[in-house]
N, C-alpha and C. Protein backbone atom coordinates (compact mmCIF):
# COMPACT_ATOMS: atom_id res chain seq x y z
N MET A 1 7.69 22.11 3.00
CA MET A 1 7.16 20.80 2.62
C MET A 1 8.30 19.93 2.13
N ILE A 2 8.38 18.72 2.62
CA ILE A 2 9.38 17.76 2.16
C ILE A 2 8.66 16.84 1.17
N ALA A 3 8.93 17.01 -0.12
CA ALA A 3 8.21 16.28 -1.16
C ALA A 3 8.92 15.02 -1.62
N PHE A 4 10.20 14.90 -1.33
CA PHE A 4 10.97 13.76 -1.82
C PHE A 4 12.17 13.57 -0.91
N ILE A 5 12.54 12.31 -0.68
CA ILE A 5 13.71 12.03 0.13
C ILE A 5 14.50 10.92 -0.55
N SER A 6 15.81 11.07 -0.53
CA SER A 6 16.70 10.09 -1.14
C SER A 6 17.90 9.92 -0.22
N GLY A 7 18.22 8.67 0.12
CA GLY A 7 19.36 8.45 0.98
C GLY A 7 19.53 6.99 1.35
N GLU A 8 20.52 6.73 2.19
CA GLU A 8 20.82 5.37 2.63
C GLU A 8 19.98 5.01 3.85
N VAL A 9 19.44 3.81 3.84
CA VAL A 9 18.65 3.33 4.97
C VAL A 9 19.60 2.94 6.10
N ILE A 10 19.38 3.55 7.26
CA ILE A 10 20.18 3.26 8.44
C ILE A 10 19.55 2.13 9.24
N ASP A 11 18.21 2.14 9.31
CA ASP A 11 17.52 1.13 10.10
C ASP A 11 16.12 0.89 9.53
N VAL A 12 15.64 -0.35 9.61
CA VAL A 12 14.29 -0.70 9.22
C VAL A 12 13.54 -1.04 10.50
N LEU A 13 12.55 -0.22 10.84
CA LEU A 13 11.76 -0.41 12.05
C LEU A 13 10.45 -1.11 11.71
N GLU A 14 9.58 -1.28 12.68
CA GLU A 14 8.33 -2.02 12.47
C GLU A 14 7.45 -1.39 11.39
N SER A 15 7.32 -0.06 11.38
CA SER A 15 6.45 0.59 10.40
C SER A 15 7.13 1.75 9.68
N SER A 16 8.44 1.87 9.83
CA SER A 16 9.13 2.99 9.22
C SER A 16 10.59 2.66 8.92
N LEU A 17 11.19 3.55 8.15
CA LEU A 17 12.62 3.47 7.84
C LEU A 17 13.30 4.68 8.46
N VAL A 18 14.57 4.52 8.82
CA VAL A 18 15.38 5.68 9.20
C VAL A 18 16.36 5.87 8.04
N VAL A 19 16.27 7.04 7.40
CA VAL A 19 17.06 7.33 6.22
C VAL A 19 18.08 8.41 6.54
N ASN A 20 19.34 8.17 6.17
CA ASN A 20 20.41 9.14 6.36
C ASN A 20 20.30 10.21 5.29
N LEU A 21 19.98 11.41 5.70
CA LEU A 21 19.87 12.54 4.77
C LEU A 21 20.96 13.53 5.14
N GLN A 22 22.12 13.38 4.51
CA GLN A 22 23.30 14.23 4.75
C GLN A 22 23.65 14.31 6.24
N GLY A 23 23.72 13.14 6.87
CA GLY A 23 24.14 13.09 8.26
C GLY A 23 23.03 13.20 9.29
N VAL A 24 21.78 13.35 8.83
CA VAL A 24 20.64 13.44 9.74
C VAL A 24 19.75 12.23 9.49
N GLY A 25 19.39 11.50 10.55
CA GLY A 25 18.51 10.34 10.42
C GLY A 25 17.06 10.78 10.41
N ILE A 26 16.39 10.59 9.29
CA ILE A 26 14.99 10.99 9.12
C ILE A 26 14.12 9.74 9.17
N GLN A 27 13.13 9.73 10.07
CA GLN A 27 12.20 8.60 10.15
C GLN A 27 11.08 8.82 9.14
N VAL A 28 10.87 7.81 8.27
CA VAL A 28 9.85 7.88 7.23
C VAL A 28 8.93 6.67 7.37
N PHE A 29 7.66 6.90 7.64
CA PHE A 29 6.68 5.82 7.70
C PHE A 29 6.32 5.44 6.28
N THR A 30 6.18 4.13 6.04
CA THR A 30 5.94 3.67 4.68
C THR A 30 5.13 2.38 4.68
N THR A 31 4.93 1.80 3.51
CA THR A 31 4.10 0.60 3.39
C THR A 31 4.87 -0.66 3.80
N ASN A 32 4.12 -1.71 4.09
CA ASN A 32 4.72 -3.00 4.43
C ASN A 32 5.56 -3.54 3.29
N GLU A 33 5.13 -3.29 2.06
CA GLU A 33 5.88 -3.76 0.90
C GLU A 33 7.27 -3.14 0.86
N VAL A 34 7.37 -1.84 1.07
CA VAL A 34 8.66 -1.15 1.09
C VAL A 34 9.51 -1.70 2.23
N LEU A 35 8.92 -1.86 3.40
CA LEU A 35 9.65 -2.37 4.57
C LEU A 35 10.19 -3.77 4.31
N ALA A 36 9.38 -4.62 3.66
CA ALA A 36 9.79 -6.00 3.40
C ALA A 36 10.92 -6.09 2.39
N LYS A 37 10.96 -5.12 1.48
CA LYS A 37 11.95 -5.18 0.40
C LYS A 37 13.20 -4.35 0.68
N THR A 38 13.28 -3.75 1.87
CA THR A 38 14.39 -2.84 2.18
C THR A 38 15.17 -3.34 3.38
N LYS A 39 16.48 -3.16 3.32
CA LYS A 39 17.33 -3.52 4.47
C LYS A 39 18.33 -2.39 4.69
N ALA A 40 18.93 -2.39 5.86
CA ALA A 40 19.93 -1.35 6.19
C ALA A 40 21.03 -1.38 5.14
N GLY A 41 21.43 -0.20 4.70
CA GLY A 41 22.48 -0.07 3.69
C GLY A 41 21.93 0.18 2.29
N ASP A 42 20.64 -0.13 2.07
CA ASP A 42 20.02 0.13 0.76
C ASP A 42 19.85 1.63 0.54
N LEU A 43 19.89 2.02 -0.72
CA LEU A 43 19.56 3.39 -1.08
C LEU A 43 18.08 3.43 -1.44
N VAL A 44 17.36 4.40 -0.91
CA VAL A 44 15.93 4.54 -1.22
C VAL A 44 15.63 5.93 -1.75
N GLN A 45 14.59 5.98 -2.55
CA GLN A 45 14.04 7.24 -3.03
C GLN A 45 12.54 7.17 -2.81
N LEU A 46 12.01 8.07 -2.00
CA LEU A 46 10.61 8.04 -1.64
C LEU A 46 9.95 9.39 -1.86
N HIS A 47 8.75 9.36 -2.43
CA HIS A 47 7.92 10.56 -2.56
C HIS A 47 7.23 10.73 -1.22
N THR A 48 7.35 11.89 -0.61
CA THR A 48 6.92 12.04 0.78
C THR A 48 5.86 13.12 0.98
N ILE A 49 5.16 12.96 2.08
CA ILE A 49 4.20 13.97 2.56
C ILE A 49 4.50 14.18 4.04
N LEU A 50 4.67 15.42 4.43
CA LEU A 50 4.91 15.77 5.82
C LEU A 50 3.57 16.11 6.47
N ILE A 51 3.23 15.39 7.53
CA ILE A 51 2.00 15.64 8.28
C ILE A 51 2.36 16.44 9.51
N VAL A 52 1.80 17.63 9.62
CA VAL A 52 2.09 18.53 10.73
C VAL A 52 0.91 18.52 11.70
N ARG A 53 1.20 18.13 12.92
CA ARG A 53 0.21 18.15 13.99
C ARG A 53 0.75 19.05 15.10
N GLU A 54 -0.11 19.39 16.01
CA GLU A 54 0.28 20.27 17.11
C GLU A 54 1.46 19.72 17.89
N ASP A 55 1.50 18.40 18.05
CA ASP A 55 2.54 17.79 18.87
C ASP A 55 3.55 16.94 18.09
N SER A 56 3.46 16.93 16.75
CA SER A 56 4.40 16.09 16.00
C SER A 56 4.53 16.51 14.54
N LEU A 57 5.65 16.14 13.96
CA LEU A 57 5.90 16.24 12.53
C LEU A 57 6.18 14.81 12.08
N THR A 58 5.36 14.27 11.17
CA THR A 58 5.50 12.88 10.74
C THR A 58 5.63 12.83 9.23
N LEU A 59 6.62 12.09 8.76
CA LEU A 59 6.89 11.98 7.33
C LEU A 59 6.45 10.61 6.84
N TYR A 60 5.63 10.58 5.78
CA TYR A 60 5.21 9.35 5.13
C TYR A 60 5.82 9.33 3.73
N GLY A 61 6.34 8.16 3.33
CA GLY A 61 7.01 8.08 2.04
C GLY A 61 6.60 6.86 1.24
N TYR A 62 6.54 7.06 -0.10
CA TYR A 62 6.07 6.01 -1.01
C TYR A 62 6.96 5.94 -2.24
N ARG A 63 7.04 4.74 -2.81
CA ARG A 63 7.90 4.52 -3.98
C ARG A 63 7.40 5.25 -5.22
N THR A 64 6.08 5.37 -5.37
CA THR A 64 5.54 5.99 -6.59
C THR A 64 4.73 7.24 -6.26
N LYS A 65 4.62 8.11 -7.25
CA LYS A 65 3.80 9.31 -7.09
C LYS A 65 2.34 8.95 -6.92
N SER A 66 1.89 7.88 -7.60
CA SER A 66 0.47 7.51 -7.51
C SER A 66 0.12 7.06 -6.09
N GLU A 67 1.03 6.37 -5.40
CA GLU A 67 0.79 6.00 -4.00
C GLU A 67 0.70 7.25 -3.13
N LYS A 68 1.61 8.19 -3.37
CA LYS A 68 1.62 9.44 -2.59
C LYS A 68 0.32 10.22 -2.84
N GLU A 69 -0.10 10.30 -4.10
CA GLU A 69 -1.34 11.03 -4.43
C GLU A 69 -2.55 10.37 -3.78
N LEU A 70 -2.58 9.03 -3.79
CA LEU A 70 -3.70 8.33 -3.18
C LEU A 70 -3.69 8.52 -1.67
N PHE A 71 -2.50 8.50 -1.05
CA PHE A 71 -2.39 8.77 0.39
C PHE A 71 -2.99 10.14 0.70
N HIS A 72 -2.64 11.14 -0.11
CA HIS A 72 -3.14 12.50 0.07
C HIS A 72 -4.67 12.53 -0.04
N LEU A 73 -5.23 11.81 -1.02
CA LEU A 73 -6.68 11.75 -1.17
C LEU A 73 -7.35 11.06 0.02
N LEU A 74 -6.74 9.96 0.46
CA LEU A 74 -7.32 9.19 1.56
C LEU A 74 -7.37 9.99 2.86
N ILE A 75 -6.32 10.76 3.16
CA ILE A 75 -6.33 11.52 4.42
C ILE A 75 -7.32 12.68 4.37
N GLY A 76 -7.82 12.98 3.18
CA GLY A 76 -8.86 14.00 3.04
C GLY A 76 -10.26 13.48 3.37
N VAL A 77 -10.39 12.16 3.52
CA VAL A 77 -11.68 11.55 3.85
C VAL A 77 -11.89 11.64 5.35
N ASN A 78 -13.05 12.12 5.75
CA ASN A 78 -13.38 12.25 7.17
C ASN A 78 -13.29 10.88 7.85
N GLY A 79 -12.49 10.79 8.90
CA GLY A 79 -12.34 9.54 9.63
C GLY A 79 -11.14 8.71 9.21
N VAL A 80 -10.41 9.17 8.19
CA VAL A 80 -9.20 8.46 7.73
C VAL A 80 -8.00 9.34 8.01
N GLY A 81 -7.22 8.95 9.00
CA GLY A 81 -6.00 9.68 9.33
C GLY A 81 -4.81 9.10 8.58
N PRO A 82 -3.63 9.68 8.78
CA PRO A 82 -2.43 9.20 8.09
C PRO A 82 -2.10 7.74 8.35
N ARG A 83 -2.22 7.29 9.59
CA ARG A 83 -1.89 5.88 9.89
C ARG A 83 -2.83 4.93 9.15
N LEU A 84 -4.12 5.25 9.17
CA LEU A 84 -5.09 4.39 8.50
C LEU A 84 -4.89 4.43 6.98
N ALA A 85 -4.59 5.60 6.43
CA ALA A 85 -4.32 5.71 5.00
C ALA A 85 -3.11 4.86 4.62
N ASN A 86 -2.09 4.88 5.47
CA ASN A 86 -0.89 4.07 5.23
C ASN A 86 -1.22 2.58 5.32
N THR A 87 -2.10 2.20 6.25
CA THR A 87 -2.52 0.81 6.37
C THR A 87 -3.26 0.37 5.11
N ILE A 88 -4.09 1.24 4.57
CA ILE A 88 -4.82 0.92 3.33
C ILE A 88 -3.82 0.67 2.20
N LEU A 89 -2.81 1.54 2.07
CA LEU A 89 -1.81 1.39 1.02
C LEU A 89 -0.91 0.19 1.27
N SER A 90 -0.78 -0.23 2.53
CA SER A 90 0.00 -1.42 2.85
C SER A 90 -0.77 -2.69 2.53
N THR A 91 -2.10 -2.59 2.56
CA THR A 91 -2.95 -3.75 2.38
C THR A 91 -3.36 -3.98 0.93
N MET A 92 -3.61 -2.89 0.20
CA MET A 92 -4.11 -2.99 -1.17
C MET A 92 -3.22 -2.18 -2.11
N SER A 93 -3.12 -2.64 -3.34
CA SER A 93 -2.38 -1.87 -4.34
C SER A 93 -3.21 -0.65 -4.76
N VAL A 94 -2.55 0.32 -5.35
CA VAL A 94 -3.24 1.52 -5.84
C VAL A 94 -4.35 1.11 -6.82
N GLU A 95 -4.03 0.17 -7.71
CA GLU A 95 -5.00 -0.26 -8.71
C GLU A 95 -6.20 -0.93 -8.06
N ALA A 96 -5.96 -1.76 -7.05
CA ALA A 96 -7.06 -2.46 -6.37
C ALA A 96 -7.96 -1.47 -5.61
N ILE A 97 -7.36 -0.46 -4.99
CA ILE A 97 -8.14 0.57 -4.28
C ILE A 97 -8.98 1.34 -5.28
N ARG A 98 -8.35 1.75 -6.36
CA ARG A 98 -9.03 2.51 -7.41
C ARG A 98 -10.22 1.72 -7.95
N GLN A 99 -9.99 0.44 -8.25
CA GLN A 99 -11.05 -0.40 -8.80
C GLN A 99 -12.17 -0.58 -7.79
N ALA A 100 -11.82 -0.80 -6.52
CA ALA A 100 -12.85 -0.97 -5.48
C ALA A 100 -13.71 0.27 -5.35
N ILE A 101 -13.09 1.44 -5.46
CA ILE A 101 -13.84 2.70 -5.37
C ILE A 101 -14.74 2.86 -6.59
N GLN A 102 -14.21 2.60 -7.76
CA GLN A 102 -15.01 2.74 -8.98
C GLN A 102 -16.17 1.76 -9.02
N GLN A 103 -15.97 0.56 -8.48
CA GLN A 103 -17.03 -0.45 -8.49
C GLN A 103 -17.88 -0.41 -7.22
N GLU A 104 -17.62 0.56 -6.36
CA GLU A 104 -18.34 0.73 -5.11
C GLU A 104 -18.32 -0.55 -4.27
N ASP A 105 -17.15 -1.13 -4.16
CA ASP A 105 -16.96 -2.39 -3.43
C ASP A 105 -16.51 -2.09 -2.00
N ALA A 106 -17.47 -1.70 -1.16
CA ALA A 106 -17.18 -1.37 0.24
C ALA A 106 -16.69 -2.59 1.01
N LEU A 107 -17.15 -3.78 0.62
CA LEU A 107 -16.75 -5.00 1.30
C LEU A 107 -15.25 -5.24 1.19
N LEU A 108 -14.70 -5.03 0.00
CA LEU A 108 -13.26 -5.22 -0.21
C LEU A 108 -12.47 -4.21 0.63
N ILE A 109 -12.87 -2.96 0.61
CA ILE A 109 -12.16 -1.94 1.37
C ILE A 109 -12.28 -2.20 2.87
N SER A 110 -13.44 -2.70 3.30
CA SER A 110 -13.64 -2.95 4.73
C SER A 110 -12.82 -4.14 5.24
N ARG A 111 -12.17 -4.89 4.35
CA ARG A 111 -11.29 -5.98 4.77
C ARG A 111 -9.96 -5.46 5.31
N VAL A 112 -9.67 -4.20 5.05
CA VAL A 112 -8.44 -3.59 5.57
C VAL A 112 -8.58 -3.47 7.09
N PRO A 113 -7.56 -3.92 7.84
CA PRO A 113 -7.64 -3.81 9.30
C PRO A 113 -7.87 -2.36 9.75
N GLY A 114 -8.86 -2.17 10.61
CA GLY A 114 -9.16 -0.83 11.14
C GLY A 114 -10.23 -0.09 10.36
N ILE A 115 -10.72 -0.68 9.27
CA ILE A 115 -11.76 -0.01 8.47
C ILE A 115 -13.04 -0.81 8.57
N GLY A 116 -14.08 -0.13 9.02
CA GLY A 116 -15.40 -0.75 9.06
C GLY A 116 -16.17 -0.43 7.79
N LYS A 117 -17.36 -0.95 7.70
CA LYS A 117 -18.17 -0.75 6.49
C LYS A 117 -18.51 0.73 6.28
N LYS A 118 -18.81 1.45 7.37
CA LYS A 118 -19.16 2.87 7.23
C LYS A 118 -18.00 3.69 6.70
N THR A 119 -16.80 3.44 7.22
CA THR A 119 -15.62 4.16 6.74
C THR A 119 -15.35 3.81 5.29
N ALA A 120 -15.50 2.54 4.94
CA ALA A 120 -15.31 2.12 3.54
C ALA A 120 -16.28 2.85 2.63
N GLN A 121 -17.52 2.98 3.07
CA GLN A 121 -18.52 3.69 2.26
C GLN A 121 -18.19 5.17 2.14
N LYS A 122 -17.65 5.77 3.21
CA LYS A 122 -17.23 7.18 3.15
C LYS A 122 -16.12 7.36 2.12
N ILE A 123 -15.16 6.43 2.13
CA ILE A 123 -14.04 6.50 1.18
C ILE A 123 -14.57 6.46 -0.25
N ILE A 124 -15.48 5.53 -0.50
CA ILE A 124 -16.06 5.39 -1.84
C ILE A 124 -16.81 6.65 -2.22
N LEU A 125 -17.65 7.14 -1.33
CA LEU A 125 -18.47 8.31 -1.60
C LEU A 125 -17.61 9.54 -1.90
N GLN A 126 -16.58 9.77 -1.10
CA GLN A 126 -15.76 10.96 -1.26
C GLN A 126 -14.75 10.88 -2.40
N LEU A 127 -14.32 9.67 -2.75
CA LEU A 127 -13.27 9.56 -3.78
C LEU A 127 -13.78 9.11 -5.13
N GLN A 128 -15.05 8.75 -5.21
CA GLN A 128 -15.58 8.29 -6.49
C GLN A 128 -15.48 9.42 -7.53
N GLY A 129 -15.00 9.07 -8.70
CA GLY A 129 -14.86 10.05 -9.78
C GLY A 129 -13.54 10.79 -9.79
N THR A 130 -12.68 10.55 -8.79
CA THR A 130 -11.40 11.27 -8.74
C THR A 130 -10.28 10.57 -9.50
N PHE A 131 -10.52 9.35 -9.98
CA PHE A 131 -9.45 8.57 -10.58
C PHE A 131 -9.47 8.50 -12.09
N GLU A 132 -10.39 9.17 -12.73
CA GLU A 132 -10.51 9.05 -14.17
C GLU A 132 -9.19 9.34 -14.86
N GLY A 133 -8.52 8.28 -15.32
CA GLY A 133 -7.28 8.41 -16.08
C GLY A 133 -6.06 8.83 -15.29
N SER A 134 -6.15 8.91 -13.96
CA SER A 134 -5.01 9.43 -13.21
C SER A 134 -4.07 8.35 -12.69
N PHE A 135 -4.50 7.08 -12.68
CA PHE A 135 -3.66 6.00 -12.20
C PHE A 135 -3.58 4.91 -13.26
N GLY A 136 -2.59 4.04 -13.11
CA GLY A 136 -2.40 2.95 -14.07
C GLY A 136 -3.61 2.03 -14.13
N GLU A 137 -3.88 1.52 -15.31
CA GLU A 137 -5.02 0.63 -15.53
C GLU A 137 -4.62 -0.82 -15.33
N LEU A 138 -5.48 -1.58 -14.73
CA LEU A 138 -5.36 -3.03 -14.70
C LEU A 138 -6.58 -3.57 -15.41
N ASP A 139 -6.39 -4.56 -16.27
CA ASP A 139 -7.55 -5.11 -16.95
C ASP A 139 -8.40 -5.90 -15.97
N GLN A 140 -9.64 -6.11 -16.34
CA GLN A 140 -10.60 -6.76 -15.45
C GLN A 140 -10.15 -8.16 -15.04
N GLN A 141 -9.57 -8.92 -15.96
CA GLN A 141 -9.12 -10.28 -15.64
C GLN A 141 -8.03 -10.27 -14.58
N THR A 142 -7.10 -9.31 -14.67
CA THR A 142 -6.04 -9.22 -13.68
C THR A 142 -6.61 -8.92 -12.31
N LEU A 143 -7.60 -8.04 -12.25
CA LEU A 143 -8.24 -7.72 -10.97
C LEU A 143 -8.97 -8.94 -10.39
N VAL A 144 -9.64 -9.70 -11.26
CA VAL A 144 -10.32 -10.92 -10.81
C VAL A 144 -9.28 -11.91 -10.27
N ASP A 145 -8.15 -12.06 -11.00
CA ASP A 145 -7.07 -12.95 -10.56
C ASP A 145 -6.52 -12.51 -9.21
N HIS A 146 -6.31 -11.20 -9.04
CA HIS A 146 -5.80 -10.68 -7.76
C HIS A 146 -6.76 -11.04 -6.63
N GLN A 147 -8.07 -10.87 -6.87
CA GLN A 147 -9.05 -11.15 -5.83
C GLN A 147 -9.08 -12.63 -5.51
N MET A 148 -9.02 -13.49 -6.53
CA MET A 148 -9.01 -14.94 -6.31
C MET A 148 -7.78 -15.35 -5.52
N LEU A 149 -6.64 -14.77 -5.88
CA LEU A 149 -5.40 -15.10 -5.18
C LEU A 149 -5.45 -14.63 -3.73
N ALA A 150 -5.97 -13.42 -3.50
CA ALA A 150 -6.10 -12.90 -2.14
C ALA A 150 -7.04 -13.79 -1.32
N ASP A 151 -8.16 -14.20 -1.90
CA ASP A 151 -9.10 -15.07 -1.20
C ASP A 151 -8.46 -16.41 -0.86
N ALA A 152 -7.69 -16.97 -1.81
CA ALA A 152 -7.03 -18.25 -1.58
C ALA A 152 -6.02 -18.14 -0.43
N LEU A 153 -5.24 -17.08 -0.42
CA LEU A 153 -4.21 -16.92 0.61
C LEU A 153 -4.82 -16.67 1.98
N THR A 154 -5.89 -15.86 2.03
CA THR A 154 -6.53 -15.61 3.33
C THR A 154 -7.23 -16.87 3.84
N SER A 155 -7.74 -17.70 2.94
CA SER A 155 -8.36 -18.96 3.38
C SER A 155 -7.31 -19.94 3.92
N LEU A 156 -6.05 -19.73 3.53
CA LEU A 156 -4.96 -20.57 4.05
C LEU A 156 -4.39 -20.03 5.37
N GLY A 157 -5.00 -18.94 5.87
CA GLY A 157 -4.60 -18.42 7.17
C GLY A 157 -3.73 -17.18 7.13
N TYR A 158 -3.39 -16.68 5.94
CA TYR A 158 -2.59 -15.46 5.85
C TYR A 158 -3.51 -14.25 6.02
N SER A 159 -2.96 -13.16 6.54
CA SER A 159 -3.75 -11.94 6.71
C SER A 159 -3.94 -11.27 5.36
N VAL A 160 -4.89 -10.34 5.30
CA VAL A 160 -5.13 -9.58 4.08
C VAL A 160 -3.86 -8.82 3.69
N ILE A 161 -3.16 -8.28 4.68
CA ILE A 161 -1.93 -7.53 4.41
C ILE A 161 -0.88 -8.45 3.79
N GLU A 162 -0.70 -9.64 4.36
CA GLU A 162 0.27 -10.59 3.81
C GLU A 162 -0.11 -10.99 2.39
N ALA A 163 -1.39 -11.24 2.16
CA ALA A 163 -1.85 -11.63 0.83
C ALA A 163 -1.59 -10.53 -0.18
N GLN A 164 -1.93 -9.29 0.16
CA GLN A 164 -1.72 -8.19 -0.78
C GLN A 164 -0.23 -7.93 -1.02
N THR A 165 0.59 -8.09 0.00
CA THR A 165 2.04 -7.93 -0.16
C THR A 165 2.57 -8.97 -1.14
N ALA A 166 2.11 -10.21 -1.01
CA ALA A 166 2.54 -11.27 -1.94
C ALA A 166 2.06 -10.99 -3.36
N ILE A 167 0.85 -10.47 -3.50
CA ILE A 167 0.32 -10.14 -4.83
C ILE A 167 1.15 -9.03 -5.46
N GLN A 168 1.49 -8.01 -4.68
CA GLN A 168 2.28 -6.90 -5.21
C GLN A 168 3.68 -7.33 -5.57
N ALA A 169 4.18 -8.40 -4.94
CA ALA A 169 5.53 -8.89 -5.22
C ALA A 169 5.57 -9.85 -6.41
N MET A 170 4.41 -10.17 -6.97
CA MET A 170 4.36 -11.09 -8.11
C MET A 170 5.14 -10.52 -9.29
N PRO A 171 5.88 -11.38 -10.00
CA PRO A 171 6.59 -10.91 -11.19
C PRO A 171 5.61 -10.51 -12.28
N LYS A 172 6.04 -9.60 -13.14
CA LYS A 172 5.19 -9.13 -14.24
C LYS A 172 4.82 -10.27 -15.19
N ASP A 173 5.73 -11.21 -15.35
CA ASP A 173 5.52 -12.32 -16.29
C ASP A 173 4.97 -13.56 -15.57
N ARG A 174 4.14 -13.35 -14.57
CA ARG A 174 3.61 -14.48 -13.79
C ARG A 174 2.73 -15.36 -14.67
N PRO A 175 2.64 -16.65 -14.32
CA PRO A 175 1.81 -17.56 -15.10
C PRO A 175 0.32 -17.19 -15.00
N ALA A 176 -0.44 -17.57 -16.00
CA ALA A 176 -1.87 -17.24 -16.03
C ALA A 176 -2.68 -18.13 -15.08
N GLU A 177 -2.19 -19.33 -14.79
CA GLU A 177 -2.93 -20.26 -13.95
C GLU A 177 -2.89 -19.80 -12.49
N ILE A 178 -4.06 -19.77 -11.86
CA ILE A 178 -4.16 -19.32 -10.47
C ILE A 178 -3.39 -20.24 -9.53
N GLU A 179 -3.34 -21.54 -9.85
CA GLU A 179 -2.60 -22.48 -9.00
C GLU A 179 -1.12 -22.14 -8.95
N GLU A 180 -0.56 -21.77 -10.10
CA GLU A 180 0.85 -21.38 -10.17
C GLU A 180 1.10 -20.08 -9.42
N GLN A 181 0.15 -19.15 -9.53
CA GLN A 181 0.28 -17.88 -8.82
C GLN A 181 0.25 -18.13 -7.31
N ILE A 182 -0.61 -19.04 -6.86
CA ILE A 182 -0.66 -19.38 -5.43
C ILE A 182 0.67 -19.97 -5.00
N ARG A 183 1.23 -20.85 -5.82
CA ARG A 183 2.52 -21.47 -5.49
C ARG A 183 3.62 -20.39 -5.36
N ILE A 184 3.64 -19.43 -6.30
CA ILE A 184 4.64 -18.34 -6.24
C ILE A 184 4.43 -17.50 -4.98
N ALA A 185 3.16 -17.19 -4.68
CA ALA A 185 2.85 -16.37 -3.49
C ALA A 185 3.26 -17.09 -2.21
N LEU A 186 3.00 -18.39 -2.14
CA LEU A 186 3.38 -19.16 -0.96
C LEU A 186 4.90 -19.21 -0.78
N LYS A 187 5.63 -19.32 -1.89
CA LYS A 187 7.09 -19.28 -1.82
C LYS A 187 7.55 -17.93 -1.27
N TYR A 188 6.94 -16.86 -1.78
CA TYR A 188 7.29 -15.51 -1.32
C TYR A 188 7.01 -15.37 0.18
N LEU A 189 5.83 -15.82 0.60
CA LEU A 189 5.43 -15.67 2.00
C LEU A 189 6.25 -16.53 2.95
N SER A 190 6.79 -17.63 2.44
CA SER A 190 7.62 -18.48 3.30
C SER A 190 9.09 -18.04 3.28
N GLY A 191 9.40 -17.03 2.47
CA GLY A 191 10.76 -16.48 2.44
C GLY A 191 11.72 -17.22 1.55
N GLU A 192 11.22 -18.09 0.69
CA GLU A 192 12.11 -18.85 -0.21
C GLU A 192 12.53 -18.02 -1.40
């Protein structure tokens, strides 16, 4: 089992990184957030899970242990494979997924590309009760703000993935006003 990888990024591909591990290029699939914030030459440290299939060995890597743990839980849900679990983690933060599951918000989860309402309900049904105290807490107001910001960005034509990436990139000391948060998110999305 490859549980952790640390090395220099050789290449950033569409959905993965190639990491130099003592002279061997290892392809690691990861979230859109990691891909957006990483360039060739950067040093990365990723918590990984090796998926073994009859015809392939695929490595998925995440910046935090909580993302890796959630990936592991998601692939345990019937109908959710590694690619779809990675898409979920690329679209929503760990806290937003946790909150959606606890509040039985299948509509929010079904906004992830590739997830229908039935799959969202399966995720909620199978994972409900598994998060008690195991992931970081976000207060209710922050979650409401995140949802308002995501709704505003998607109404402006951005995808759910782009909106969630911008939300995750928000500084910790972001302003309380939603208008200012939208302005910061738009700057991020335009590359300024």
